[in-house]
Amino acid sequence: NLLTITIMLVIKNYIIDEEKIHAKIEENKKKPKKEGKFRKR
């Protein structure tokens, strides 16, 4: 649990960039999405 907490803090503070994630999501929204069979059903 100590190691997991350390890894999570490293990911949160040094790896994950929320601005880049937001930009990626906005870009995905503009792309046409093909609806999968499971989603369609």
All heavy atoms as atom14 arrays in JSON, in Angstrom:
{
  "sequence": "NLLTITIMLVIKNYIIDEEKIHAKIEENKKKPKKEGKFRKR",
  "atom14_mask": [
    [1, 1, 1, 1, 1, 1, 1, 1, 0, 0, 0, 0, 0, 0],
    [1, 1, 1, 1, 1, 1, 1, 1, 0, 0, 0, 0, 0, 0],
    [1, 1, 1, 1, 1, 1, 1, 1, 0, 0, 0, 0, 0, 0],
    [1, 1, 1, 1, 1, 1, 1, 0, 0, 0, 0, 0, 0, 0],
    [1, 1, 1, 1, 1, 1, 1, 1, 0, 0, 0, 0, 0, 0],
    [1, 1, 1, 1, 1, 1, 1, 0, 0, 0, 0, 0, 0, 0],
    [1, 1, 1, 1, 1, 1, 1, 1, 0, 0, 0, 0, 0, 0],
    [1, 1, 1, 1, 1, 1, 1, 1, 0, 0, 0, 0, 0, 0],
    [1, 1, 1, 1, 1, 1, 1, 1, 0, 0, 0, 0, 0, 0],
    [1, 1, 1, 1, 1, 1, 1, 0, 0, 0, 0, 0, 0, 0],
    [1, 1, 1, 1, 1, 1, 1, 1, 0, 0, 0, 0, 0, 0],
    [1, 1, 1, 1, 1, 1, 1, 1, 1, 0, 0, 0, 0, 0],
    [1, 1, 1, 1, 1, 1, 1, 1, 0, 0, 0, 0, 0, 0],
    [1, 1, 1, 1, 1, 1, 1, 1, 1, 1, 1, 1, 0, 0],
    [1, 1, 1, 1, 1, 1, 1, 1, 0, 0, 0, 0, 0, 0],
    [1, 1, 1, 1, 1, 1, 1, 1, 0, 0, 0, 0, 0, 0],
    [1, 1, 1, 1, 1, 1, 1, 1, 0, 0, 0, 0, 0, 0],
    [1, 1, 1, 1, 1, 1, 1, 1, 1, 0, 0, 0, 0, 0],
    [1, 1, 1, 1, 1, 1, 1, 1, 1, 0, 0, 0, 0, 0],
    [1, 1, 1, 1, 1, 1, 1, 1, 1, 0, 0, 0, 0, 0],
    [1, 1, 1, 1, 1, 1, 1, 1, 0, 0, 0, 0, 0, 0],
    [1, 1, 1, 1, 1, 1, 1, 1, 1, 1, 0, 0, 0, 0],
    [1, 1, 1, 1, 1, 0, 0, 0, 0, 0, 0, 0, 0, 0],
    [1, 1, 1, 1, 1, 1, 1, 1, 1, 0, 0, 0, 0, 0],
    [1, 1, 1, 1, 1, 1, 1, 1, 0, 0, 0, 0, 0, 0],
    [1, 1, 1, 1, 1, 1, 1, 1, 1, 0, 0, 0, 0, 0],
    [1, 1, 1, 1, 1, 1, 1, 1, 1, 0, 0, 0, 0, 0],
    [1, 1, 1, 1, 1, 1, 1, 1, 0, 0, 0, 0, 0, 0],
    [1, 1, 1, 1, 1, 1, 1, 1, 1, 0, 0, 0, 0, 0],
    [1, 1, 1, 1, 1, 1, 1, 1, 1, 0, 0, 0, 0, 0],
    [1, 1, 1, 1, 1, 1, 1, 1, 1, 0, 0, 0, 0, 0],
    [1, 1, 1, 1, 1, 1, 1, 0, 0, 0, 0, 0, 0, 0],
    [1, 1, 1, 1, 1, 1, 1, 1, 1, 0, 0, 0, 0, 0],
    [1, 1, 1, 1, 1, 1, 1, 1, 1, 0, 0, 0, 0, 0],
    [1, 1, 1, 1, 1, 1, 1, 1, 1, 0, 0, 0, 0, 0],
    [1, 1, 1, 1, 0, 0, 0, 0, 0, 0, 0, 0, 0, 0],
    [1, 1, 1, 1, 1, 1, 1, 1, 1, 0, 0, 0, 0, 0],
    [1, 1, 1, 1, 1, 1, 1, 1, 1, 1, 1, 0, 0, 0],
    [1, 1, 1, 1, 1, 1, 1, 1, 1, 1, 1, 0, 0, 0],
    [1, 1, 1, 1, 1, 1, 1, 1, 1, 0, 0, 0, 0, 0],
    [1, 1, 1, 1, 1, 1, 1, 1, 1, 1, 1, 0, 0, 0]
  ],
  "atom14_positions": [
    [[0.82, -1.21, 0.0], [0.0, 0.0, 0.0], [0.86, 1.26, 0.0], [0.5, 2.26, -0.64], [-0.94, 0.0, 1.2], [-2.09, -0.98, 1.04], [-2.65, -1.1, -0.05], [-2.44, -1.69, 2.09], [0.0, 0.0, 0.0], [0.0, 0.0, 0.0], [0.0, 0.0, 0.0], [0.0, 0.0, 0.0], [0.0, 0.0, 0.0], [0.0, 0.0, 0.0]],
    [[1.99, 1.22, 0.7], [2.9, 2.37, 0.68], [3.42, 2.62, -0.74], [3.46, 3.77, -1.22], [4.07, 2.13, 1.62], [3.85, 2.35, 3.12], [5.15, 2.12, 3.87], [3.32, 3.76, 3.41], [0.0, 0.0, 0.0], [0.0, 0.0, 0.0], [0.0, 0.0, 0.0], [0.0, 0.0, 0.0], [0.0, 0.0, 0.0], [0.0, 0.0, 0.0]],
    [[3.81, 1.55, -1.43], [4.31, 1.68, -2.79], [3.22, 2.16, -3.74], [3.47, 2.99, -4.63], [4.88, 0.34, -3.27], [6.18, -0.12, -2.62], [6.52, -1.54, -3.06], [7.33, 0.82, -2.99], [0.0, 0.0, 0.0], [0.0, 0.0, 0.0], [0.0, 0.0, 0.0], [0.0, 0.0, 0.0], [0.0, 0.0, 0.0], [0.0, 0.0, 0.0]],
    [[2.01, 1.64, -3.56], [0.89, 2.06, -4.43], [0.59, 3.54, -4.25], [0.35, 4.26, -5.22], [-0.36, 1.22, -4.12], [-0.04, -0.17, -4.24], [-1.48, 1.55, -5.09], [0.0, 0.0, 0.0], [0.0, 0.0, 0.0], [0.0, 0.0, 0.0], [0.0, 0.0, 0.0], [0.0, 0.0, 0.0], [0.0, 0.0, 0.0], [0.0, 0.0, 0.0]],
    [[0.6, 3.99, -3.0], [0.38, 5.42, -2.74], [1.46, 6.25, -3.42], [1.17, 7.29, -4.05], [0.37, 5.68, -1.21], [-0.89, 5.08, -0.58], [0.43, 7.18, -0.92], [-0.87, 5.07, 0.94], [0.0, 0.0, 0.0], [0.0, 0.0, 0.0], [0.0, 0.0, 0.0], [0.0, 0.0, 0.0], [0.0, 0.0, 0.0], [0.0, 0.0, 0.0]],
    [[2.71, 5.8, -3.32], [3.83, 6.52, -3.95], [3.66, 6.57, -5.47], [3.82, 7.63, -6.1], [5.16, 5.84, -3.6], [5.3, 5.77, -2.18], [6.33, 6.61, -4.19], [0.0, 0.0, 0.0], [0.0, 0.0, 0.0], [0.0, 0.0, 0.0], [0.0, 0.0, 0.0], [0.0, 0.0, 0.0], [0.0, 0.0, 0.0], [0.0, 0.0, 0.0]],
    [[3.3, 5.43, -6.07], [3.1, 5.37, -7.53], [1.97, 6.29, -7.96], [2.07, 7.01, -8.97], [2.83, 3.92, -7.96], [4.09, 3.08, -7.79], [2.36, 3.87, -9.41], [3.86, 1.59, -7.96], [0.0, 0.0, 0.0], [0.0, 0.0, 0.0], [0.0, 0.0, 0.0], [0.0, 0.0, 0.0], [0.0, 0.0, 0.0], [0.0, 0.0, 0.0]],
    [[0.88, 6.31, -7.18], [-0.26, 7.17, -7.52], [0.12, 8.64, -7.45], [-0.3, 9.44, -8.31], [-1.43, 6.87, -6.58], [-2.08, 5.5, -6.82], [-3.32, 5.07, -5.59], [-4.61, 6.24, -5.98], [0.0, 0.0, 0.0], [0.0, 0.0, 0.0], [0.0, 0.0, 0.0], [0.0, 0.0, 0.0], [0.0, 0.0, 0.0], [0.0, 0.0, 0.0]],
    [[0.92, 9.01, -6.44], [1.35, 10.41, -6.33], [2.25, 10.8, -7.49], [2.14, 11.92, -8.03], [2.08, 10.61, -5.0], [1.2, 10.58, -3.74], [2.06, 10.61, -2.48], [0.22, 11.78, -3.73], [0.0, 0.0, 0.0], [0.0, 0.0, 0.0], [0.0, 0.0, 0.0], [0.0, 0.0, 0.0], [0.0, 0.0, 0.0], [0.0, 0.0, 0.0]],
    [[3.14, 9.89, -7.9], [4.03, 10.16, -9.04], [3.2, 10.33, -10.32], [3.43, 11.26, -11.11], [5.06, 9.04, -9.19], [5.83, 9.17, -10.5], [6.04, 9.05, -8.02], [0.0, 0.0, 0.0], [0.0, 0.0, 0.0], [0.0, 0.0, 0.0], [0.0, 0.0, 0.0], [0.0, 0.0, 0.0], [0.0, 0.0, 0.0], [0.0, 0.0, 0.0]],
    [[2.24, 9.43, -10.54], [1.4, 9.52, -11.74], [0.6, 10.82, -11.74], [0.51, 11.51, -12.77], [0.45, 8.3, -11.81], [1.25, 7.02, -12.07], [-0.61, 8.49, -12.88], [0.42, 5.75, -11.97], [0.0, 0.0, 0.0], [0.0, 0.0, 0.0], [0.0, 0.0, 0.0], [0.0, 0.0, 0.0], [0.0, 0.0, 0.0], [0.0, 0.0, 0.0]],
    [[0.05, 11.16, -10.6], [-0.8, 12.36, -10.52], [0.0, 13.63, -10.73], [-0.42, 14.55, -11.46], [-1.48, 12.4, -9.15], [-2.35, 13.63, -8.94], [-2.96, 13.63, -7.54], [-3.78, 14.91, -7.32], [-4.35, 14.94, -5.95], [0.0, 0.0, 0.0], [0.0, 0.0, 0.0], [0.0, 0.0, 0.0], [0.0, 0.0, 0.0], [0.0, 0.0, 0.0]],
    [[1.17, 13.72, -10.13], [1.92, 14.98, -10.14], [2.92, 15.1, -11.28], [3.3, 16.22, -11.65], [2.65, 15.15, -8.8], [1.69, 15.29, -7.63], [0.69, 16.0, -7.72], [1.99, 14.62, -6.53], [0.0, 0.0, 0.0], [0.0, 0.0, 0.0], [0.0, 0.0, 0.0], [0.0, 0.0, 0.0], [0.0, 0.0, 0.0], [0.0, 0.0, 0.0]],
    [[3.36, 13.98, -11.85], [4.44, 14.07, -12.84], [4.12, 13.43, -14.19], [4.85, 13.64, -15.15], [5.71, 13.41, -12.27], [6.22, 14.08, -11.02], [5.96, 13.53, -9.76], [6.94, 15.27, -11.09], [6.41, 14.15, -8.6], [7.39, 15.9, -9.93], [7.14, 15.33, -8.69], [7.58, 15.96, -7.56], [0.0, 0.0, 0.0], [0.0, 0.0, 0.0]],
    [[3.06, 12.63, -14.27], [2.77, 11.93, -15.52], [1.47, 12.4, -16.16], [1.43, 12.73, -17.35], [2.74, 10.4, -15.28], [4.11, 9.92, -14.78], [2.35, 9.65, -16.56], [4.16, 8.44, -14.43], [0.0, 0.0, 0.0], [0.0, 0.0, 0.0], [0.0, 0.0, 0.0], [0.0, 0.0, 0.0], [0.0, 0.0, 0.0], [0.0, 0.0, 0.0]],
    [[0.42, 12.46, -15.37], [-0.9, 12.85, -15.91], [-0.96, 14.36, -16.1], [-0.67, 15.13, -15.18], [-2.03, 12.39, -14.97], [-2.06, 10.86, -14.87], [-3.38, 12.92, -15.43], [-2.47, 10.17, -16.15], [0.0, 0.0, 0.0], [0.0, 0.0, 0.0], [0.0, 0.0, 0.0], [0.0, 0.0, 0.0], [0.0, 0.0, 0.0], [0.0, 0.0, 0.0]],
    [[-1.36, 14.81, -17.31], [-1.56, 16.24, -17.62], [-3.03, 16.41, -18.03], [-3.43, 16.03, -19.13], [-0.63, 16.67, -18.76], [-0.66, 18.18, -18.97], [-1.67, 18.83, -18.62], [0.34, 18.7, -19.5], [0.0, 0.0, 0.0], [0.0, 0.0, 0.0], [0.0, 0.0, 0.0], [0.0, 0.0, 0.0], [0.0, 0.0, 0.0], [0.0, 0.0, 0.0]],
    [[-3.83, 16.99, -17.14], [-5.27, 17.09, -17.39], [-5.59, 17.99, -18.58], [-6.58, 17.78, -19.29], [-5.98, 17.61, -16.13], [-5.96, 16.6, -14.99], [-6.8, 17.07, -13.8], [-7.46, 18.12, -13.93], [-6.79, 16.38, -12.77], [0.0, 0.0, 0.0], [0.0, 0.0, 0.0], [0.0, 0.0, 0.0], [0.0, 0.0, 0.0], [0.0, 0.0, 0.0]],
    [[-4.77, 19.0, -18.85], [-5.02, 19.87, -20.01], [-4.86, 19.08, -21.31], [-5.66, 19.23, -22.24], [-4.06, 21.06, -19.97], [-4.35, 22.03, -18.84], [-3.44, 23.24, -18.9], [-2.62, 23.33, -19.85], [-3.54, 24.11, -18.02], [0.0, 0.0, 0.0], [0.0, 0.0, 0.0], [0.0, 0.0, 0.0], [0.0, 0.0, 0.0], [0.0, 0.0, 0.0]],
    [[-3.84, 18.26, -21.38], [-3.65, 17.43, -22.57], [-4.78, 16.43, -22.72], [-5.25, 16.15, -23.85], [-2.32, 16.7, -22.49], [-1.1, 17.59, -22.67], [0.18, 16.77, -22.65], [1.41, 17.66, -22.86], [2.67, 16.87, -22.84], [0.0, 0.0, 0.0], [0.0, 0.0, 0.0], [0.0, 0.0, 0.0], [0.0, 0.0, 0.0], [0.0, 0.0, 0.0]],
    [[-5.23, 15.89, -21.62], [-6.34, 14.94, -21.67], [-7.61, 15.62, -22.18], [-8.34, 15.08, -23.01], [-6.59, 14.32, -20.27], [-5.41, 13.43, -19.89], [-7.9, 13.54, -20.22], [-5.46, 12.91, -18.47], [0.0, 0.0, 0.0], [0.0, 0.0, 0.0], [0.0, 0.0, 0.0], [0.0, 0.0, 0.0], [0.0, 0.0, 0.0], [0.0, 0.0, 0.0]],
    [[-7.85, 16.84, -21.71], [-9.03, 17.59, -22.15], [-8.95, 17.87, -23.64], [-9.95, 17.73, -24.39], [-9.14, 18.9, -21.36], [-10.4, 19.65, -21.64], [-10.49, 20.57, -22.66], [-11.62, 19.6, -21.04], [-11.71, 21.07, -22.68], [-12.42, 20.5, -21.69], [0.0, 0.0, 0.0], [0.0, 0.0, 0.0], [0.0, 0.0, 0.0], [0.0, 0.0, 0.0]],
    [[-7.77, 18.27, -24.09], [-7.6, 18.55, -25.53], [-7.82, 17.28, -26.35], [-8.43, 17.33, -27.43], [-6.19, 19.11, -25.77], [0.0, 0.0, 0.0], [0.0, 0.0, 0.0], [0.0, 0.0, 0.0], [0.0, 0.0, 0.0], [0.0, 0.0, 0.0], [0.0, 0.0, 0.0], [0.0, 0.0, 0.0], [0.0, 0.0, 0.0], [0.0, 0.0, 0.0]],
    [[-7.36, 16.16, -25.85], [-7.53, 14.89, -26.55], [-9.0, 14.51, -26.63], [-9.48, 14.02, -27.67], [-6.73, 13.81, -25.82], [-6.78, 12.43, -26.47], [-6.03, 12.4, -27.78], [-5.97, 11.01, -28.36], [-5.33, 10.97, -29.69], [0.0, 0.0, 0.0], [0.0, 0.0, 0.0], [0.0, 0.0, 0.0], [0.0, 0.0, 0.0], [0.0, 0.0, 0.0]],
    [[-9.73, 14.77, -25.57], [-11.16, 14.44, -25.55], [-11.91, 15.31, -26.55], [-12.78, 14.83, -27.29], [-11.73, 14.63, -24.13], [-11.22, 13.5, -23.21], [-13.25, 14.65, -24.13], [-11.61, 13.64, -21.77], [0.0, 0.0, 0.0], [0.0, 0.0, 0.0], [0.0, 0.0, 0.0], [0.0, 0.0, 0.0], [0.0, 0.0, 0.0], [0.0, 0.0, 0.0]],
    [[-11.57, 16.6, -26.58], [-12.23, 17.5, -27.54], [-11.94, 17.07, -28.97], [-12.8, 17.14, -29.86], [-11.75, 18.93, -27.3], [-12.22, 19.53, -25.98], [-13.73, 19.61, -25.89], [-14.38, 19.87, -26.94], [-14.26, 19.36, -24.78], [0.0, 0.0, 0.0], [0.0, 0.0, 0.0], [0.0, 0.0, 0.0], [0.0, 0.0, 0.0], [0.0, 0.0, 0.0]],
    [[-10.74, 16.62, -29.19], [-10.37, 16.14, -30.52], [-11.15, 14.87, -30.88], [-11.61, 14.7, -32.01], [-8.86, 15.86, -30.55], [-8.33, 15.46, -31.93], [-6.84, 15.21, -31.91], [-6.16, 15.7, -30.97], [-6.36, 14.52, -32.81], [0.0, 0.0, 0.0], [0.0, 0.0, 0.0], [0.0, 0.0, 0.0], [0.0, 0.0, 0.0], [0.0, 0.0, 0.0]],
    [[-11.33, 14.0, -29.91], [-12.1, 12.77, -30.14], [-13.56, 13.06, -30.45], [-14.19, 12.36, -31.24], [-12.02, 11.86, -28.91], [-10.65, 11.23, -28.74], [-9.88, 11.17, -29.7], [-10.34, 10.77, -27.54], [0.0, 0.0, 0.0], [0.0, 0.0, 0.0], [0.0, 0.0, 0.0], [0.0, 0.0, 0.0], [0.0, 0.0, 0.0], [0.0, 0.0, 0.0]],
    [[-14.08, 14.11, -29.84], [-15.48, 14.46, -30.08], [-15.73, 14.86, -31.53], [-16.79, 14.62, -32.09], [-15.92, 15.61, -29.15], [-16.1, 15.21, -27.7], [-16.53, 16.41, -26.88], [-16.71, 16.07, -25.42], [-17.13, 17.23, -24.6], [0.0, 0.0, 0.0], [0.0, 0.0, 0.0], [0.0, 0.0, 0.0], [0.0, 0.0, 0.0], [0.0, 0.0, 0.0]],
    [[-14.72, 15.48, -32.12], [-14.87, 15.96, -33.51], [-14.8, 14.81, -34.51], [-15.32, 14.92, -35.62], [-13.77, 16.98, -33.82], [-13.89, 18.25, -32.97], [-12.7, 19.16, -33.22], [-12.75, 20.39, -32.3], [-11.56, 21.25, -32.5], [0.0, 0.0, 0.0], [0.0, 0.0, 0.0], [0.0, 0.0, 0.0], [0.0, 0.0, 0.0], [0.0, 0.0, 0.0]],
    [[-14.16, 13.71, -34.11], [-14.02, 12.59, -35.04], [-15.32, 11.81, -35.1], [-16.01, 11.64, -34.1], [-12.9, 11.65, -34.59], [-11.52, 12.27, -34.62], [-10.48, 11.28, -34.09], [-9.09, 11.9, -34.08], [-8.08, 10.95, -33.52], [0.0, 0.0, 0.0], [0.0, 0.0, 0.0], [0.0, 0.0, 0.0], [0.0, 0.0, 0.0], [0.0, 0.0, 0.0]],
    [[-15.7, 11.33, -36.29], [-16.9, 10.49, -36.38], [-16.66, 9.16, -35.69], [-15.63, 8.54, -35.87], [-17.07, 10.29, -37.9], [-15.73, 10.52, -38.47], [-15.04, 11.53, -37.6], [0.0, 0.0, 0.0], [0.0, 0.0, 0.0], [0.0, 0.0, 0.0], [0.0, 0.0, 0.0], [0.0, 0.0, 0.0], [0.0, 0.0, 0.0], [0.0, 0.0, 0.0]],
    [[-17.62, 8.79, -34.88], [-17.47, 7.57, -34.09], [-18.33, 6.46, -34.68], [-19.53, 6.65, -34.92], [-17.91, 7.82, -32.64], [-16.82, 8.39, -31.78], [-15.83, 7.3, -31.4], [-14.7, 7.88, -30.55], [-13.71, 6.87, -30.24], [0.0, 0.0, 0.0], [0.0, 0.0, 0.0], [0.0, 0.0, 0.0], [0.0, 0.0, 0.0], [0.0, 0.0, 0.0]],
    [[-17.7, 5.32, -34.9], [-18.45, 4.18, -35.38], [-19.0, 3.43, -34.16], [-18.27, 3.06, -33.26], [-17.53, 3.25, -36.18], [-18.27, 2.08, -36.79], [-17.32, 1.21, -37.59], [-18.07, 0.03, -38.18], [-17.18, -0.86, -38.96], [0.0, 0.0, 0.0], [0.0, 0.0, 0.0], [0.0, 0.0, 0.0], [0.0, 0.0, 0.0], [0.0, 0.0, 0.0]],
    [[-20.3, 3.29, -34.15], [-20.97, 2.68, -33.0], [-20.72, 1.17, -33.0], [-20.98, 0.49, -33.99], [-22.46, 2.97, -33.07], [-23.18, 2.67, -31.76], [-24.64, 3.12, -31.81], [-25.28, 2.94, -32.85], [-25.11, 3.66, -30.8], [0.0, 0.0, 0.0], [0.0, 0.0, 0.0], [0.0, 0.0, 0.0], [0.0, 0.0, 0.0], [0.0, 0.0, 0.0]],
    [[-20.21, 0.68, -31.91], [-19.96, -0.75, -31.8], [-21.24, -1.55, -31.66], [-22.31, -1.0, -31.37], [0.0, 0.0, 0.0], [0.0, 0.0, 0.0], [0.0, 0.0, 0.0], [0.0, 0.0, 0.0], [0.0, 0.0, 0.0], [0.0, 0.0, 0.0], [0.0, 0.0, 0.0], [0.0, 0.0, 0.0], [0.0, 0.0, 0.0], [0.0, 0.0, 0.0]],
    [[-21.13, -2.86, -31.89], [-22.32, -3.72, -31.82], [-22.92, -3.73, -30.43], [-24.14, -3.68, -30.27], [-21.93, -5.14, -32.24], [-21.56, -5.28, -33.71], [-21.22, -6.72, -34.04], [-20.86, -6.86, -35.52], [-20.51, -8.28, -35.86], [0.0, 0.0, 0.0], [0.0, 0.0, 0.0], [0.0, 0.0, 0.0], [0.0, 0.0, 0.0], [0.0, 0.0, 0.0]],
    [[-22.05, -3.82, -29.41], [-22.56, -3.85, -28.04], [-23.25, -2.53, -27.7], [-24.36, -2.53, -27.15], [-21.41, -4.1, -27.06], [-21.82, -4.04, -25.61], [-22.54, -5.07, -25.04], [-21.49, -2.92, -24.83], [-22.92, -5.01, -23.7], [-21.87, -2.85, -23.51], [-22.59, -3.9, -22.93], [0.0, 0.0, 0.0], [0.0, 0.0, 0.0], [0.0, 0.0, 0.0]],
    [[-22.6, -1.42, -28.07], [-23.19, -0.11, -27.8], [-24.51, 0.06, -28.56], [-25.48, 0.6, -28.02], [-22.19, 0.97, -28.2], [-22.68, 2.4, -28.08], [-22.66, 2.9, -26.67], [-21.31, 3.11, -26.2], [-21.03, 3.69, -25.03], [-21.99, 4.11, -24.25], [-19.78, 3.83, -24.64], [0.0, 0.0, 0.0], [0.0, 0.0, 0.0], [0.0, 0.0, 0.0]],
    [[-24.54, -0.43, -29.77], [-25.75, -0.31, -30.58], [-26.9, -1.09, -29.96], [-28.03, -0.58, -29.85], [-25.47, -0.81, -31.99], [-26.6, -0.59, -32.97], [-26.18, -1.03, -34.36], [-27.31, -0.76, -35.36], [-26.92, -1.17, -36.73], [0.0, 0.0, 0.0], [0.0, 0.0, 0.0], [0.0, 0.0, 0.0], [0.0, 0.0, 0.0], [0.0, 0.0, 0.0]],
    [[-26.64, -2.32, -29.54], [-27.69, -3.12, -28.92], [-28.15, -2.51, -27.6], [-29.34, -2.52, -27.27], [-27.18, -4.55, -28.68], [-27.13, -5.39, -29.94], [-27.02, -6.88, -29.59], [-25.77, -7.19, -28.92], [-24.67, -7.59, -29.55], [-24.66, -7.72, -30.88], [-23.57, -7.84, -28.89], [0.0, 0.0, 0.0], [0.0, 0.0, 0.0], [0.0, 0.0, 0.0]]
  ]
}
